[in-house]
Amino acid sequence: MSEQPTSPKPADDAPAPTAAVRRDHRGMSGATVRNLGLVAALVLLCLVGFLTGGERFASLTNMTIILSLASVTGVMAIGMTFVITTGGIDLSVGSVLGLTTVWASTLATQDMADQYGWIVMVGCALLVGLAAGLVNGVIIAYGNVVAFIATLAMLVAARGLAELIANRRTQIVDQPSFENAFQGDLLGVPKIVWIFALVVVAGWFLLNRTTFGRRTVAVGGNPEAARLAGIKVKRHLMYVYGLAGLTVGIGGVMLLARTGAGSSTNGMLIELDVIAAVVVGGTLLAGGRGTIVGTVIGVLIFATLTNIFIINNLDSSVQQIAKGAIIVGAVLLQQRISKPSRSS
């Protein structure tokens, strides 16, 4: 009688460490193979760009343009990687991005920035993004609303709120302290690219070297097992969506720096590029595996593809078809290769 209560506990606790061992050892080679495949695809795209665009594509200026275009999408894709790793989705990132740029560029916000500096605009964007993400997280985790529906509602609401605040007008950033801090180059590289690099490093460390990252993978792999292992699944989901919102806020700051204007139309349909980059990078839509390195390469693949089409003056409709084909191919590849190991 006394042995029966104790015997199930090792059974419940045992799968977590053994699964982690499998992810670290057996899955590592799989992750390496996936990343090498993505690098090969990126190199192939660069070769196509050089053959079709010549020096225009291969120039240092154009490489800088590609990185700048990839930066905003890439920062949000880091946050989306955590969300999809839990088995969720966030369709609202594009609308929330527009809302952050509008709120951070209102006359009231810029007037406060005159007194207290650019930190006011940055703080505003980060808080708006974080708040939207936490609202998503609370509705999904504690309201038991499907992530697709909850974030779809936020997509509509955030865009509508941005239109109301901006009165459907473009708001020009006229704040020298903000422009000096975030526009221009640092060591020959645009400052927004440096921000992207810092977010990538922080995201990789958070996912691969912290308890938060391990819990994220555990929740995506098996929520019930994660709950039995002592993880506060609902609270963790709320944190993950809050993190995604925070990265959107960072993206809003970067977009303001790049365009110099806040608009309710900012970020229109960018959520499709963000999700596509994460999925193509190797993060499982079903949850349980996430890869920051793969996400970064996925972002660069789509940014390079867009640049090739622009340089060669090709129809944007064909570009969308090409993106769709890449996404479908990546998902099919996931289904065939990724079933045995859900490593991160």
C-alpha atoms as a PDB file:
ATOM      1  CA  MET A   1       0.000   0.000   0.000  1.00  0.00           C
ATOM      2  CA  SER A   2       2.809   2.406   0.869  1.00  0.00           C
ATOM      3  CA  GLU A   3       4.668   1.687  -2.373  1.00  0.00           C
ATOM      4  CA  GLN A   4       1.777   2.501  -4.699  1.00  0.00           C
ATOM      5  CA  PRO A   5       1.666   6.277  -4.005  1.00  0.00           C
ATOM      6  CA  THR A   6       5.410   6.628  -4.486  1.00  0.00           C
ATOM      7  CA  SER A   7       5.783   4.558  -7.653  1.00  0.00           C
ATOM      8  CA  PRO A   8       3.756   6.836  -9.974  1.00  0.00           C
ATOM      9  CA  LYS A   9       5.880   9.871  -9.042  1.00  0.00           C
ATOM     10  CA  PRO A  10       9.093   8.615 -10.620  1.00  0.00           C
ATOM     11  CA  ALA A  11       7.047   7.615 -13.665  1.00  0.00           C
ATOM     12  CA  ASP A  12       5.691  11.137 -13.992  1.00  0.00           C
ATOM     13  CA  ASP A  13       9.013  12.820 -13.276  1.00  0.00           C
ATOM     14  CA  ALA A  14      11.179  10.507 -15.363  1.00  0.00           C
ATOM     15  CA  PRO A  15      10.013  11.487 -18.870  1.00  0.00           C
ATOM     16  CA  ALA A  16      11.045  15.119 -18.459  1.00  0.00           C
ATOM     17  CA  PRO A  17      14.793  14.536 -17.920  1.00  0.00           C
ATOM     18  CA  THR A  18      14.987  11.661 -20.401  1.00  0.00           C
ATOM     19  CA  ALA A  19      13.198  13.714 -23.031  1.00  0.00           C
ATOM     20  CA  ALA A  20      15.590  16.573 -22.332  1.00  0.00           C
ATOM     21  CA  VAL A  21      18.523  14.219 -22.806  1.00  0.00           C
ATOM     22  CA  ARG A  22      17.121  13.085 -26.120  1.00  0.00           C
ATOM     23  CA  ARG A  23      16.710  16.671 -27.197  1.00  0.00           C
ATOM     24  CA  ASP A  24      20.265  17.542 -26.236  1.00  0.00           C
ATOM     25  CA  HIS A  25      21.983  14.521 -27.799  1.00  0.00           C
ATOM     26  CA  ARG A  26      19.895  12.822 -30.435  1.00  0.00           C
ATOM     27  CA  GLY A  27      18.195  16.050 -31.503  1.00  0.00           C
ATOM     28  CA  MET A  28      21.349  18.138 -31.767  1.00  0.00           C
ATOM     29  CA  SER A  29      22.454  16.514 -35.015  1.00  0.00           C
ATOM     30  CA  GLY A  30      18.947  16.961 -36.403  1.00  0.00           C
ATOM     31  CA  ALA A  31      19.011  20.673 -35.533  1.00  0.00           C
ATOM     32  CA  THR A  32      22.422  20.992 -37.175  1.00  0.00           C
ATOM     33  CA  VAL A  33      21.186  19.301 -40.333  1.00  0.00           C
ATOM     34  CA  ARG A  34      18.132  21.571 -40.466  1.00  0.00           C
ATOM     35  CA  ASN A  35      20.223  24.691 -40.011  1.00  0.00           C
ATOM     36  CA  LEU A  36      22.733  23.574 -42.633  1.00  0.00           C
ATOM     37  CA  GLY A  37      19.851  23.013 -45.033  1.00  0.00           C
ATOM     38  CA  LEU A  38      18.570  26.525 -44.340  1.00  0.00           C
ATOM     39  CA  VAL A  39      22.047  27.994 -44.837  1.00  0.00           C
ATOM     40  CA  ALA A  40      22.317  26.121 -48.149  1.00  0.00           C
ATOM     41  CA  ALA A  41      18.961  27.575 -49.229  1.00  0.00           C
ATOM     42  CA  LEU A  42      20.124  31.072 -48.265  1.00  0.00           C
ATOM     43  CA  VAL A  43      23.393  30.634 -50.166  1.00  0.00           C
ATOM     44  CA  LEU A  44      21.451  29.399 -53.199  1.00  0.00           C
ATOM     45  CA  LEU A  45      19.206  32.460 -53.031  1.00  0.00           C
ATOM     46  CA  CYS A  46      22.268  34.715 -52.822  1.00  0.00           C
ATOM     47  CA  LEU A  47      23.715  32.977 -55.881  1.00  0.00           C
ATOM     48  CA  VAL A  48      20.481  33.566 -57.776  1.00  0.00           C
ATOM     49  CA  GLY A  49      20.562  37.191 -56.667  1.00  0.00           C
ATOM     50  CA  PHE A  50      24.135  37.624 -57.885  1.00  0.00           C
ATOM     51  CA  LEU A  51      23.413  35.951 -61.235  1.00  0.00           C
ATOM     52  CA  THR A  52      20.317  38.077 -61.843  1.00  0.00           C
ATOM     53  CA  GLY A  53      21.306  41.311 -60.125  1.00  0.00           C
ATOM     54  CA  GLY A  54      25.067  41.301 -60.454  1.00  0.00           C
ATOM     55  CA  GLU A  55      26.937  43.968 -58.544  1.00  0.00           C
ATOM     56  CA  ARG A  56      23.693  45.646 -57.527  1.00  0.00           C
ATOM     57  CA  PHE A  57      22.864  42.638 -55.394  1.00  0.00           C
ATOM     58  CA  ALA A  58      26.375  41.873 -54.168  1.00  0.00           C
ATOM     59  CA  SER A  59      27.191  45.417 -53.110  1.00  0.00           C
ATOM     60  CA  LEU A  60      27.768  46.193 -49.442  1.00  0.00           C
ATOM     61  CA  THR A  61      25.016  48.797 -49.599  1.00  0.00           C
ATOM     62  CA  ASN A  62      22.493  46.210 -50.726  1.00  0.00           C
ATOM     63  CA  MET A  63      23.582  43.759 -48.019  1.00  0.00           C
ATOM     64  CA  THR A  64      22.956  46.520 -45.486  1.00  0.00           C
ATOM     65  CA  ILE A  65      19.513  47.111 -46.980  1.00  0.00           C
ATOM     66  CA  ILE A  66      18.653  43.415 -46.655  1.00  0.00           C
ATOM     67  CA  LEU A  67      19.703  43.385 -42.994  1.00  0.00           C
ATOM     68  CA  SER A  68      17.742  46.556 -42.285  1.00  0.00           C
ATOM     69  CA  LEU A  69      14.607  45.139 -43.902  1.00  0.00           C
ATOM     70  CA  ALA A  70      15.025  41.907 -41.963  1.00  0.00           C
ATOM     71  CA  SER A  71      15.547  43.585 -38.599  1.00  0.00           C
ATOM     72  CA  VAL A  72      11.996  44.581 -37.651  1.00  0.00           C
ATOM     73  CA  THR A  73      10.507  41.303 -38.840  1.00  0.00           C
ATOM     74  CA  GLY A  74      13.364  39.421 -37.207  1.00  0.00           C
ATOM     75  CA  VAL A  75      12.901  40.957 -33.764  1.00  0.00           C
ATOM     76  CA  MET A  76       9.198  40.073 -33.773  1.00  0.00           C
ATOM     77  CA  ALA A  77      10.019  36.598 -35.083  1.00  0.00           C
ATOM     78  CA  ILE A  78      12.151  35.975 -31.983  1.00  0.00           C
ATOM     79  CA  GLY A  79       9.107  36.553 -29.790  1.00  0.00           C
ATOM     80  CA  MET A  80       6.928  34.505 -32.135  1.00  0.00           C
ATOM     81  CA  THR A  81       9.379  31.600 -31.822  1.00  0.00           C
ATOM     82  CA  PHE A  82       8.554  31.327 -28.124  1.00  0.00           C
ATOM     83  CA  VAL A  83       4.812  31.505 -28.826  1.00  0.00           C
ATOM     84  CA  ILE A  84       4.849  28.812 -31.510  1.00  0.00           C
ATOM     85  CA  THR A  85       7.143  26.640 -29.390  1.00  0.00           C
ATOM     86  CA  THR A  86       4.312  26.484 -26.836  1.00  0.00           C
ATOM     87  CA  GLY A  87       1.969  25.335 -29.610  1.00  0.00           C
ATOM     88  CA  GLY A  88       0.284  28.739 -29.881  1.00  0.00           C
ATOM     89  CA  ILE A  89       0.061  31.480 -32.481  1.00  0.00           C
ATOM     90  CA  ASP A  90      -0.122  35.277 -32.459  1.00  0.00           C
ATOM     91  CA  LEU A  91      -1.883  36.858 -35.408  1.00  0.00           C
ATOM     92  CA  SER A  92      -1.973  40.313 -33.831  1.00  0.00           C
ATOM     93  CA  VAL A  93       1.707  41.285 -34.053  1.00  0.00           C
ATOM     94  CA  GLY A  94       1.260  43.402 -37.187  1.00  0.00           C
ATOM     95  CA  SER A  95      -1.623  45.426 -35.764  1.00  0.00           C
ATOM     96  CA  VAL A  96       0.090  45.836 -32.401  1.00  0.00           C
ATOM     97  CA  LEU A  97       3.210  47.032 -34.249  1.00  0.00           C
ATOM     98  CA  GLY A  98       1.142  49.750 -35.910  1.00  0.00           C
ATOM     99  CA  LEU A  99      -0.375  50.673 -32.543  1.00  0.00           C
ATOM    100  CA  THR A 100       3.034  50.991 -30.887  1.00  0.00           C
ATOM    101  CA  THR A 101       4.328  53.320 -33.611  1.00  0.00           C
ATOM    102  CA  VAL A 102       1.212  55.480 -33.407  1.00  0.00           C
ATOM    103  CA  TRP A 103       1.166  55.732 -29.621  1.00  0.00           C
ATOM    104  CA  ALA A 104       4.889  56.432 -29.386  1.00  0.00           C
ATOM    105  CA  SER A 105       4.707  59.195 -32.011  1.00  0.00           C
ATOM    106  CA  THR A 106       1.692  61.173 -30.781  1.00  0.00           C
ATOM    107  CA  LEU A 107       2.253  64.866 -30.086  1.00  0.00           C
ATOM    108  CA  ALA A 108       1.708  64.267 -26.372  1.00  0.00           C
ATOM    109  CA  THR A 109       4.369  61.565 -26.261  1.00  0.00           C
ATOM    110  CA  GLN A 110       6.836  63.636 -28.256  1.00  0.00           C
ATOM    111  CA  ASP A 111       6.178  66.673 -26.048  1.00  0.00           C
ATOM    112  CA  MET A 112       7.080  64.571 -23.000  1.00  0.00           C
ATOM    113  CA  ALA A 113      10.170  63.396 -24.852  1.00  0.00           C
ATOM    114  CA  ASP A 114      11.210  67.036 -25.173  1.00  0.00           C
ATOM    115  CA  GLN A 115      11.468  67.146 -21.388  1.00  0.00           C
ATOM    116  CA  TYR A 116      12.673  63.669 -20.506  1.00  0.00           C
ATOM    117  CA  GLY A 117      14.400  62.450 -23.679  1.00  0.00           C
ATOM    118  CA  TRP A 118      13.897  59.596 -26.108  1.00  0.00           C
ATOM    119  CA  ILE A 119      13.304  57.102 -23.291  1.00  0.00           C
ATOM    120  CA  VAL A 120       9.691  58.315 -23.148  1.00  0.00           C
ATOM    121  CA  MET A 121       8.965  57.237 -26.733  1.00  0.00           C
ATOM    122  CA  VAL A 122      10.798  53.952 -26.298  1.00  0.00           C
ATOM    123  CA  GLY A 123       9.083  53.213 -22.992  1.00  0.00           C
ATOM    124  CA  CYS A 124       5.698  53.994 -24.517  1.00  0.00           C
ATOM    125  CA  ALA A 125       6.243  51.582 -27.417  1.00  0.00           C
ATOM    126  CA  LEU A 126       7.513  48.817 -25.122  1.00  0.00           C
ATOM    127  CA  LEU A 127       4.660  49.220 -22.642  1.00  0.00           C
ATOM    128  CA  VAL A 128       1.996  49.202 -25.358  1.00  0.00           C
ATOM    129  CA  GLY A 129       3.457  46.058 -26.914  1.00  0.00           C
ATOM    130  CA  LEU A 130       3.856  44.345 -23.539  1.00  0.00           C
ATOM    131  CA  ALA A 131       0.310  45.242 -22.491  1.00  0.00           C
ATOM    132  CA  ALA A 132      -1.182  43.878 -25.713  1.00  0.00           C
ATOM    133  CA  GLY A 133       0.819  40.666 -25.341  1.00  0.00           C
ATOM    134  CA  LEU A 134      -0.264  40.198 -21.725  1.00  0.00           C
ATOM    135  CA  VAL A 135      -3.901  40.753 -22.670  1.00  0.00           C
ATOM    136  CA  ASN A 136      -3.539  38.032 -25.296  1.00  0.00           C
ATOM    137  CA  GLY A 137      -1.891  35.774 -22.735  1.00  0.00           C
ATOM    138  CA  VAL A 138      -4.566  36.290 -20.081  1.00  0.00           C
ATOM    139  CA  ILE A 139      -7.401  35.639 -22.532  1.00  0.00           C
ATOM    140  CA  ILE A 140      -5.722  32.514 -23.899  1.00  0.00           C
ATOM    141  CA  ALA A 141      -4.408  31.048 -20.634  1.00  0.00           C
ATOM    142  CA  TYR A 142      -7.060  32.023 -18.126  1.00  0.00           C
ATOM    143  CA  GLY A 143     -10.012  32.592 -20.451  1.00  0.00           C
ATOM    144  CA  ASN A 144      -9.386  29.289 -22.241  1.00  0.00           C
ATOM    145  CA  VAL A 145      -9.883  30.985 -25.600  1.00  0.00           C
ATOM    146  CA  VAL A 146      -8.139  29.418 -28.589  1.00  0.00           C
ATOM    147  CA  ALA A 147      -5.016  31.407 -29.477  1.00  0.00           C
ATOM    148  CA  PHE A 148      -6.149  31.843 -33.073  1.00  0.00           C
ATOM    149  CA  ILE A 149      -9.411  33.526 -32.012  1.00  0.00           C
ATOM    150  CA  ALA A 150      -7.943  35.587 -29.169  1.00  0.00           C
ATOM    151  CA  THR A 151      -5.136  37.054 -31.254  1.00  0.00           C
ATOM    152  CA  LEU A 152      -7.456  37.553 -34.232  1.00  0.00           C
ATOM    153  CA  ALA A 153      -9.623  39.721 -31.969  1.00  0.00           C
ATOM    154  CA  MET A 154      -6.537  41.658 -30.878  1.00  0.00           C
ATOM    155  CA  LEU A 155      -5.539  42.080 -34.531  1.00  0.00           C
ATOM    156  CA  VAL A 156      -8.813  43.870 -35.244  1.00  0.00           C
ATOM    157  CA  ALA A 157      -8.964  45.826 -31.981  1.00  0.00           C
ATOM    158  CA  ALA A 158      -5.355  47.071 -32.082  1.00  0.00           C
ATOM    159  CA  ARG A 159      -5.681  48.265 -35.667  1.00  0.00           C
ATOM    160  CA  GLY A 160      -8.921  50.069 -34.847  1.00  0.00           C
ATOM    161  CA  LEU A 161      -7.403  51.728 -31.776  1.00  0.00           C
ATOM    162  CA  ALA A 162      -4.393  52.848 -33.821  1.00  0.00           C
ATOM    163  CA  GLU A 163      -6.722  54.433 -36.381  1.00  0.00           C
ATOM    164  CA  LEU A 164      -8.638  56.258 -33.652  1.00  0.00           C
ATOM    165  CA  ILE A 165      -5.497  57.630 -32.006  1.00  0.00           C
ATOM    166  CA  ALA A 166      -3.889  58.724 -35.279  1.00  0.00           C
ATOM    167  CA  ASN A 167      -7.182  59.800 -36.854  1.00  0.00           C
ATOM    168  CA  ARG A 168      -6.004  57.833 -39.913  1.00  0.00           C
ATOM    169  CA  ARG A 169      -3.097  60.227 -40.364  1.00  0.00           C
ATOM    170  CA  THR A 170       0.649  59.692 -40.509  1.00  0.00           C
ATOM    171  CA  GLN A 171       2.475  61.115 -37.490  1.00  0.00           C
ATOM    172  CA  ILE A 172       5.974  62.397 -38.226  1.00  0.00           C
ATOM    173  CA  VAL A 173       8.685  61.814 -35.646  1.00  0.00           C
ATOM    174  CA  ASP A 174      10.204  65.200 -34.821  1.00  0.00           C
ATOM    175  CA  GLN A 175      12.312  64.371 -31.808  1.00  0.00           C
ATOM    176  CA  PRO A 176      16.060  64.967 -32.236  1.00  0.00           C
ATOM    177  CA  SER A 177      17.036  62.882 -29.194  1.00  0.00           C
ATOM    178  CA  PHE A 178      15.204  59.849 -30.586  1.00  0.00           C
ATOM    179  CA  GLU A 179      16.616  60.338 -34.075  1.00  0.00           C
ATOM    180  CA  ASN A 180      20.157  60.672 -32.756  1.00  0.00           C
ATOM    181  CA  ALA A 181      19.793  57.562 -30.608  1.00  0.00           C
ATOM    182  CA  PHE A 182      18.302  55.165 -33.157  1.00  0.00           C
ATOM    183  CA  GLN A 183      18.818  56.500 -36.666  1.00  0.00           C
ATOM    184  CA  GLY A 184      22.045  56.293 -38.621  1.00  0.00           C
ATOM    185  CA  ASP A 185      24.926  53.831 -38.367  1.00  0.00           C
ATOM    186  CA  LEU A 186      27.199  52.486 -35.673  1.00  0.00           C
ATOM    187  CA  LEU A 187      30.564  51.189 -36.926  1.00  0.00           C
ATOM    188  CA  GLY A 188      29.163  51.260 -40.451  1.00  0.00           C
ATOM    189  CA  VAL A 189      26.127  49.133 -39.576  1.00  0.00           C
ATOM    190  CA  PRO A 190      22.596  50.557 -39.092  1.00  0.00           C
ATOM    191  CA  LYS A 191      21.694  50.855 -35.428  1.00  0.00           C
ATOM    192  CA  ILE A 192      18.492  48.865 -35.894  1.00  0.00           C
ATOM    193  CA  VAL A 193      20.603  45.925 -37.103  1.00  0.00           C
ATOM    194  CA  TRP A 194      22.589  46.105 -33.858  1.00  0.00           C
ATOM    195  CA  ILE A 195      19.309  46.027 -31.929  1.00  0.00           C
ATOM    196  CA  PHE A 196      18.243  42.968 -33.924  1.00  0.00           C
ATOM    197  CA  ALA A 197      21.534  41.251 -33.111  1.00  0.00           C
ATOM    198  CA  LEU A 198      21.143  41.969 -29.388  1.00  0.00           C
ATOM    199  CA  VAL A 199      17.589  40.593 -29.361  1.00  0.00           C
ATOM    200  CA  VAL A 200      18.759  37.458 -31.181  1.00  0.00           C
ATOM    201  CA  VAL A 201      21.483  36.816 -28.617  1.00  0.00           C
ATOM    202  CA  ALA A 202      19.087  37.445 -25.723  1.00  0.00           C
ATOM    203  CA  GLY A 203      16.413  35.216 -27.292  1.00  0.00           C
ATOM    204  CA  TRP A 204      18.867  32.384 -27.912  1.00  0.00           C
ATOM    205  CA  PHE A 205      20.139  32.528 -24.346  1.00  0.00           C
ATOM    206  CA  LEU A 206      16.613  32.680 -22.917  1.00  0.00           C
ATOM    207  CA  LEU A 207      15.395  29.684 -24.928  1.00  0.00           C
ATOM    208  CA  ASN A 208      18.454  27.464 -24.644  1.00  0.00           C
ATOM    209  CA  ARG A 209      20.135  28.355 -21.365  1.00  0.00           C
ATOM    210  CA  THR A 210      17.400  29.254 -18.885  1.00  0.00           C
ATOM    211  CA  THR A 211      14.602  27.572 -16.978  1.00  0.00           C
ATOM    212  CA  PHE A 212      12.138  29.797 -18.831  1.00  0.00           C
ATOM    213  CA  GLY A 213      13.222  28.292 -22.144  1.00  0.00           C
ATOM    214  CA  ARG A 214      13.042  24.723 -20.870  1.00  0.00           C
ATOM    215  CA  ARG A 215       9.564  25.359 -19.511  1.00  0.00           C
ATOM    216  CA  THR A 216       8.505  26.855 -22.839  1.00  0.00           C
ATOM    217  CA  VAL A 217       9.564  23.688 -24.666  1.00  0.00           C
ATOM    218  CA  ALA A 218       7.934  21.489 -22.014  1.00  0.00           C
ATOM    219  CA  VAL A 219       4.606  23.331 -22.223  1.00  0.00           C
ATOM    220  CA  GLY A 220       4.604  23.009 -26.008  1.00  0.00           C
ATOM    221  CA  GLY A 221       5.594  19.348 -25.940  1.00  0.00           C
ATOM    222  CA  ASN A 222       3.021  18.158 -23.389  1.00  0.00           C
ATOM    223  CA  PRO A 223       1.100  20.725 -21.298  1.00  0.00           C
ATOM    224  CA  GLU A 224      -0.338  18.110 -18.959  1.00  0.00           C
ATOM    225  CA  ALA A 225       3.062  16.551 -18.272  1.00  0.00           C
ATOM    226  CA  ALA A 226       4.454  20.039 -17.716  1.00  0.00           C
ATOM    227  CA  ARG A 227       1.684  20.740 -15.196  1.00  0.00           C
ATOM    228  CA  LEU A 228       2.379  17.490 -13.372  1.00  0.00           C
ATOM    229  CA  ALA A 229       6.069  18.418 -13.284  1.00  0.00           C
ATOM    230  CA  GLY A 230       5.192  21.545 -11.327  1.00  0.00           C
ATOM    231  CA  ILE A 231       5.159  24.150 -14.110  1.00  0.00           C
ATOM    232  CA  LYS A 232       2.463  26.818 -13.805  1.00  0.00           C
ATOM    233  CA  VAL A 233       1.335  26.335 -17.394  1.00  0.00           C
ATOM    234  CA  LYS A 234      -1.227  29.139 -17.542  1.00  0.00           C
ATOM    235  CA  ARG A 235       1.061  31.680 -15.951  1.00  0.00           C
ATOM    236  CA  HIS A 236       3.900  30.651 -18.244  1.00  0.00           C
ATOM    237  CA  LEU A 237       1.703  31.053 -21.330  1.00  0.00           C
ATOM    238  CA  MET A 238       0.810  34.553 -20.173  1.00  0.00           C
ATOM    239  CA  TYR A 239       4.506  35.369 -19.821  1.00  0.00           C
ATOM    240  CA  VAL A 240       5.293  33.980 -23.280  1.00  0.00           C
ATOM    241  CA  TYR A 241       2.649  36.121 -24.978  1.00  0.00           C
ATOM    242  CA  GLY A 242       3.847  39.097 -22.949  1.00  0.00           C
ATOM    243  CA  LEU A 243       7.369  38.449 -24.225  1.00  0.00           C
ATOM    244  CA  ALA A 244       6.065  38.345 -27.791  1.00  0.00           C
ATOM    245  CA  GLY A 245       4.327  41.678 -27.224  1.00  0.00           C
ATOM    246  CA  LEU A 246       7.528  43.148 -25.827  1.00  0.00           C
ATOM    247  CA  THR A 247       9.443  42.176 -28.970  1.00  0.00           C
ATOM    248  CA  VAL A 248       6.711  43.865 -31.017  1.00  0.00           C
ATOM    249  CA  GLY A 249       7.305  47.002 -28.960  1.00  0.00           C
ATOM    250  CA  ILE A 250      11.013  46.805 -29.777  1.00  0.00           C
ATOM    251  CA  GLY A 251      10.080  46.363 -33.421  1.00  0.00           C
ATOM    252  CA  GLY A 252       7.909  49.482 -33.185  1.00  0.00           C
ATOM    253  CA  VAL A 253      10.886  51.523 -31.965  1.00  0.00           C
ATOM    254  CA  MET A 254      12.989  50.178 -34.823  1.00  0.00           C
ATOM    255  CA  LEU A 255      10.281  50.922 -37.392  1.00  0.00           C
ATOM    256  CA  LEU A 256       9.957  54.487 -36.118  1.00  0.00           C
ATOM    257  CA  ALA A 257      13.722  54.851 -36.461  1.00  0.00           C
ATOM    258  CA  ARG A 258      13.704  53.443 -39.988  1.00  0.00           C
ATOM    259  CA  THR A 259      10.688  55.313 -41.399  1.00  0.00           C
ATOM    260  CA  GLY A 260      10.525  58.362 -39.125  1.00  0.00           C
ATOM    261  CA  ALA A 261       6.738  58.112 -38.923  1.00  0.00           C
ATOM    262  CA  GLY A 262       3.999  56.395 -36.969  1.00  0.00           C
ATOM    263  CA  SER A 263       0.945  55.172 -38.854  1.00  0.00           C
ATOM    264  CA  SER A 264      -2.006  52.881 -38.244  1.00  0.00           C
ATOM    265  CA  THR A 265      -1.065  51.111 -41.485  1.00  0.00           C
ATOM    266  CA  ASN A 266       2.385  50.176 -40.210  1.00  0.00           C
ATOM    267  CA  GLY A 267       2.866  46.429 -39.937  1.00  0.00           C
ATOM    268  CA  MET A 268       0.011  45.571 -42.283  1.00  0.00           C
ATOM    269  CA  LEU A 269       0.192  41.785 -42.930  1.00  0.00           C
ATOM    270  CA  ILE A 270       3.707  41.596 -41.459  1.00  0.00           C
ATOM    271  CA  GLU A 271       2.432  38.837 -39.169  1.00  0.00           C
ATOM    272  CA  LEU A 272       2.442  36.518 -42.178  1.00  0.00           C
ATOM    273  CA  ASP A 273       6.150  37.120 -42.783  1.00  0.00           C
ATOM    274  CA  VAL A 274       6.902  36.710 -39.075  1.00  0.00           C
ATOM    275  CA  ILE A 275       5.078  33.393 -38.755  1.00  0.00           C
ATOM    276  CA  ALA A 276       6.469  32.145 -42.066  1.00  0.00           C
ATOM    277  CA  ALA A 277      10.060  32.877 -41.005  1.00  0.00           C
ATOM    278  CA  VAL A 278       9.589  30.990 -37.728  1.00  0.00           C
ATOM    279  CA  VAL A 279       8.019  27.964 -39.394  1.00  0.00           C
ATOM    280  CA  VAL A 280      10.541  27.835 -42.226  1.00  0.00           C
ATOM    281  CA  GLY A 281      13.289  28.158 -39.606  1.00  0.00           C
ATOM    282  CA  GLY A 282      12.262  24.837 -38.070  1.00  0.00           C
ATOM    283  CA  THR A 283      10.061  25.686 -35.080  1.00  0.00           C
ATOM    284  CA  LEU A 284       7.230  23.151 -34.918  1.00  0.00           C
ATOM    285  CA  LEU A 285       3.725  24.526 -35.365  1.00  0.00           C
ATOM    286  CA  ALA A 286       2.517  21.754 -33.067  1.00  0.00           C
ATOM    287  CA  GLY A 287       4.852  23.013 -30.332  1.00  0.00           C
ATOM    288  CA  GLY A 288       7.627  21.362 -28.368  1.00  0.00           C
ATOM    289  CA  ARG A 289      10.569  22.563 -30.448  1.00  0.00           C
ATOM    290  CA  GLY A 290      11.897  26.031 -31.097  1.00  0.00           C
ATOM    291  CA  THR A 291      15.055  27.301 -32.725  1.00  0.00           C
ATOM    292  CA  ILE A 292      16.283  30.878 -32.634  1.00  0.00           C
ATOM    293  CA  VAL A 293      19.095  30.224 -35.117  1.00  0.00           C
ATOM    294  CA  GLY A 294      16.644  28.703 -37.584  1.00  0.00           C
ATOM    295  CA  THR A 295      14.302  31.661 -37.164  1.00  0.00           C
ATOM    296  CA  VAL A 296      17.073  34.139 -37.955  1.00  0.00           C
ATOM    297  CA  ILE A 297      18.017  32.229 -41.109  1.00  0.00           C
ATOM    298  CA  GLY A 298      14.334  32.041 -42.080  1.00  0.00           C
ATOM    299  CA  VAL A 299      14.028  35.813 -41.721  1.00  0.00           C
ATOM    300  CA  LEU A 300      17.127  36.337 -43.873  1.00  0.00           C
ATOM    301  CA  ILE A 301      15.788  33.942 -46.522  1.00  0.00           C
ATOM    302  CA  PHE A 302      12.563  35.932 -46.931  1.00  0.00           C
ATOM    303  CA  ALA A 303      14.359  39.298 -46.793  1.00  0.00           C
ATOM    304  CA  THR A 304      16.792  38.140 -49.479  1.00  0.00           C
ATOM    305  CA  LEU A 305      13.969  36.795 -51.625  1.00  0.00           C
ATOM    306  CA  THR A 306      12.129  40.123 -51.385  1.00  0.00           C
ATOM    307  CA  ASN A 307      15.309  42.009 -52.278  1.00  0.00           C
ATOM    308  CA  ILE A 308      15.906  39.837 -55.354  1.00  0.00           C
ATOM    309  CA  PHE A 309      12.396  40.551 -56.626  1.00  0.00           C
ATOM    310  CA  ILE A 310      12.810  44.288 -56.039  1.00  0.00           C
ATOM    311  CA  ILE A 311      16.200  44.472 -57.763  1.00  0.00           C
ATOM    312  CA  ASN A 312      14.889  42.602 -60.811  1.00  0.00           C
ATOM    313  CA  ASN A 313      11.615  44.585 -60.906  1.00  0.00           C
ATOM    314  CA  LEU A 314       9.571  41.403 -60.721  1.00  0.00           C
ATOM    315  CA  ASP A 315       5.868  41.288 -59.980  1.00  0.00           C
ATOM    316  CA  SER A 316       5.160  41.274 -56.252  1.00  0.00           C
ATOM    317  CA  SER A 317       2.353  38.769 -56.856  1.00  0.00           C
ATOM    318  CA  VAL A 318       4.909  36.224 -58.046  1.00  0.00           C
ATOM    319  CA  GLN A 319       6.900  36.956 -54.909  1.00  0.00           C
ATOM    320  CA  GLN A 320       3.896  36.038 -52.757  1.00  0.00           C
ATOM    321  CA  ILE A 321       3.469  32.808 -54.694  1.00  0.00           C
ATOM    322  CA  ALA A 322       7.126  31.966 -54.117  1.00  0.00           C
ATOM    323  CA  LYS A 323       6.769  32.663 -50.385  1.00  0.00           C
ATOM    324  CA  GLY A 324       3.700  30.460 -50.225  1.00  0.00           C
ATOM    325  CA  ALA A 325       5.533  27.614 -51.927  1.00  0.00           C
ATOM    326  CA  ILE A 326       8.447  27.937 -49.483  1.00  0.00           C
ATOM    327  CA  ILE A 327       6.089  27.828 -46.488  1.00  0.00           C
ATOM    328  CA  VAL A 328       4.235  24.753 -47.739  1.00  0.00           C
ATOM    329  CA  GLY A 329       7.511  23.018 -48.531  1.00  0.00           C
ATOM    330  CA  ALA A 330       8.858  23.777 -45.055  1.00  0.00           C
ATOM    331  CA  VAL A 331       5.743  22.417 -43.318  1.00  0.00           C
ATOM    332  CA  LEU A 332       5.760  19.241 -45.416  1.00  0.00           C
ATOM    333  CA  LEU A 333       9.441  18.784 -44.601  1.00  0.00           C
ATOM    334  CA  GLN A 334       8.679  19.197 -40.906  1.00  0.00           C
ATOM    335  CA  GLN A 335       6.033  16.489 -41.070  1.00  0.00           C
ATOM    336  CA  ARG A 336       8.364  14.019 -42.766  1.00  0.00           C
ATOM    337  CA  ILE A 337      11.600  14.651 -40.893  1.00  0.00           C
ATOM    338  CA  SER A 338      10.722  16.081 -37.512  1.00  0.00           C
ATOM    339  CA  LYS A 339       8.417  13.398 -36.121  1.00  0.00           C
ATOM    340  CA  PRO A 340      11.056  11.226 -34.412  1.00  0.00           C
ATOM    341  CA  SER A 341      12.740  14.068 -32.548  1.00  0.00           C
ATOM    342  CA  ARG A 342      11.223  17.322 -31.280  1.00  0.00           C
ATOM    343  CA  SER A 343      14.518  18.785 -30.262  1.00  0.00           C
ATOM    344  CA  SER A 344      15.193  22.422 -29.663  1.00  0.00           C
END
